Amino acid sequence: MENKIVLASLAMDLKRVALGLHRKSNSMADRFLHEAMKRKEEVNIKKLFPYMQHILMKLNGHIDAEDALMYSTRIQNYVLYK
């Protein structure tokens, strides 16, 4: 249950990163990317399916709007339909 909340929060942070980058609000995007990286560290990776582990490993401090939106959607779908 705890992973579910953290992953949902991570998905929302990544969606905000995508919106910030799309609107060219780099300070907003940087703030939410920083939050997303902190949330990533809170996830218990051992309890996730392998494909989700792989997605989280690919998340880093440098991301573009399209990738942030894609990762947000993939994580959100994992939380909703797992």
Protein backbone atom coordinates (compact mmCIF):
# COMPACT_ATOMS: atom_id res chain seq x y z
CA MET A 1 0.00 0.00 0.00
CA GLU A 2 2.82 2.41 0.84
CA ASN A 3 4.45 1.86 -2.57
CA LYS A 4 1.14 2.65 -4.23
CA ILE A 5 0.95 6.10 -2.61
CA VAL A 6 4.58 6.92 -3.35
CA LEU A 7 4.26 5.79 -6.97
CA ALA A 8 1.06 7.82 -7.45
CA SER A 9 2.85 10.88 -6.05
CA LEU A 10 5.82 10.21 -8.32
CA ALA A 11 3.50 10.03 -11.34
CA MET A 12 1.96 13.39 -10.44
CA ASP A 13 5.37 14.99 -9.95
CA LEU A 14 6.48 13.74 -13.37
CA LYS A 15 3.29 15.05 -14.95
CA ARG A 16 4.04 18.46 -13.43
CA VAL A 17 7.58 18.24 -14.80
CA ALA A 18 6.16 17.61 -18.27
CA LEU A 19 3.75 20.54 -17.95
CA GLY A 20 6.50 22.83 -16.69
CA LEU A 21 8.83 21.92 -19.54
CA HIS A 22 6.06 22.28 -22.09
CA ARG A 23 5.20 25.76 -20.77
CA LYS A 24 8.91 26.64 -20.70
CA SER A 25 8.73 27.15 -16.94
CA ASN A 26 12.09 25.61 -16.15
CA SER A 27 12.05 26.60 -12.48
CA MET A 28 8.76 24.76 -11.97
CA ALA A 29 10.01 21.73 -13.87
CA ASP A 30 13.25 21.64 -11.87
CA ARG A 31 11.39 21.89 -8.56
CA PHE A 32 9.07 18.98 -9.40
CA LEU A 33 11.89 16.92 -10.91
CA HIS A 34 13.75 17.32 -7.63
CA GLU A 35 10.62 16.13 -5.78
CA ALA A 36 10.26 13.20 -8.18
CA MET A 37 13.85 12.10 -7.54
CA LYS A 38 13.24 12.21 -3.78
CA ARG A 39 10.08 10.12 -4.21
CA LYS A 40 11.94 7.63 -6.38
CA GLU A 41 14.23 6.95 -3.42
CA GLU A 42 11.21 6.23 -1.20
CA VAL A 43 9.95 3.38 -3.42
CA ASN A 44 10.62 -0.18 -2.27
CA ILE A 45 11.87 -1.40 -5.65
CA LYS A 46 12.04 -5.05 -4.60
CA LYS A 47 8.23 -5.20 -4.39
CA LEU A 48 7.69 -3.99 -7.97
CA PHE A 49 7.30 -5.95 -11.19
CA PRO A 50 10.53 -6.09 -13.24
CA TYR A 51 9.28 -3.71 -15.95
CA MET A 52 8.48 -1.07 -13.33
CA GLN A 53 11.91 -1.56 -11.74
CA HIS A 54 13.42 -0.91 -15.16
CA ILE A 55 11.35 2.26 -15.63
CA LEU A 56 12.41 3.64 -12.26
CA MET A 57 16.07 2.86 -12.99
CA LYS A 58 15.83 4.90 -16.21
CA LEU A 59 14.57 7.98 -14.34
CA ASN A 60 17.37 10.43 -13.76
CA GLY A 61 17.86 14.11 -13.13
CA HIS A 62 17.77 14.98 -16.86
CA ILE A 63 14.48 14.37 -18.62
CA ASP A 64 12.51 15.99 -21.43
CA ALA A 65 8.79 16.73 -21.44
CA GLU A 66 7.81 13.75 -23.59
CA ASP A 67 9.70 11.25 -21.44
CA ALA A 68 8.33 12.75 -18.23
CA LEU A 69 4.78 12.42 -19.53
CA MET A 70 5.38 8.86 -20.75
CA TYR A 71 6.89 7.75 -17.44
CA SER A 72 4.09 9.47 -15.56
CA THR A 73 1.47 7.59 -17.56
CA ARG A 74 3.24 4.24 -17.24
CA ILE A 75 3.59 4.63 -13.46
CA GLN A 76 0.02 5.82 -13.07
CA ASN A 77 -1.28 2.83 -15.05
CA TYR A 78 0.81 0.49 -12.90
CA VAL A 79 -0.72 1.95 -9.73
CA LEU A 80 -4.26 1.81 -11.08
CA TYR A 81 -4.24 -1.60 -12.76
CA LYS A 82 -1.71 -3.69 -10.87
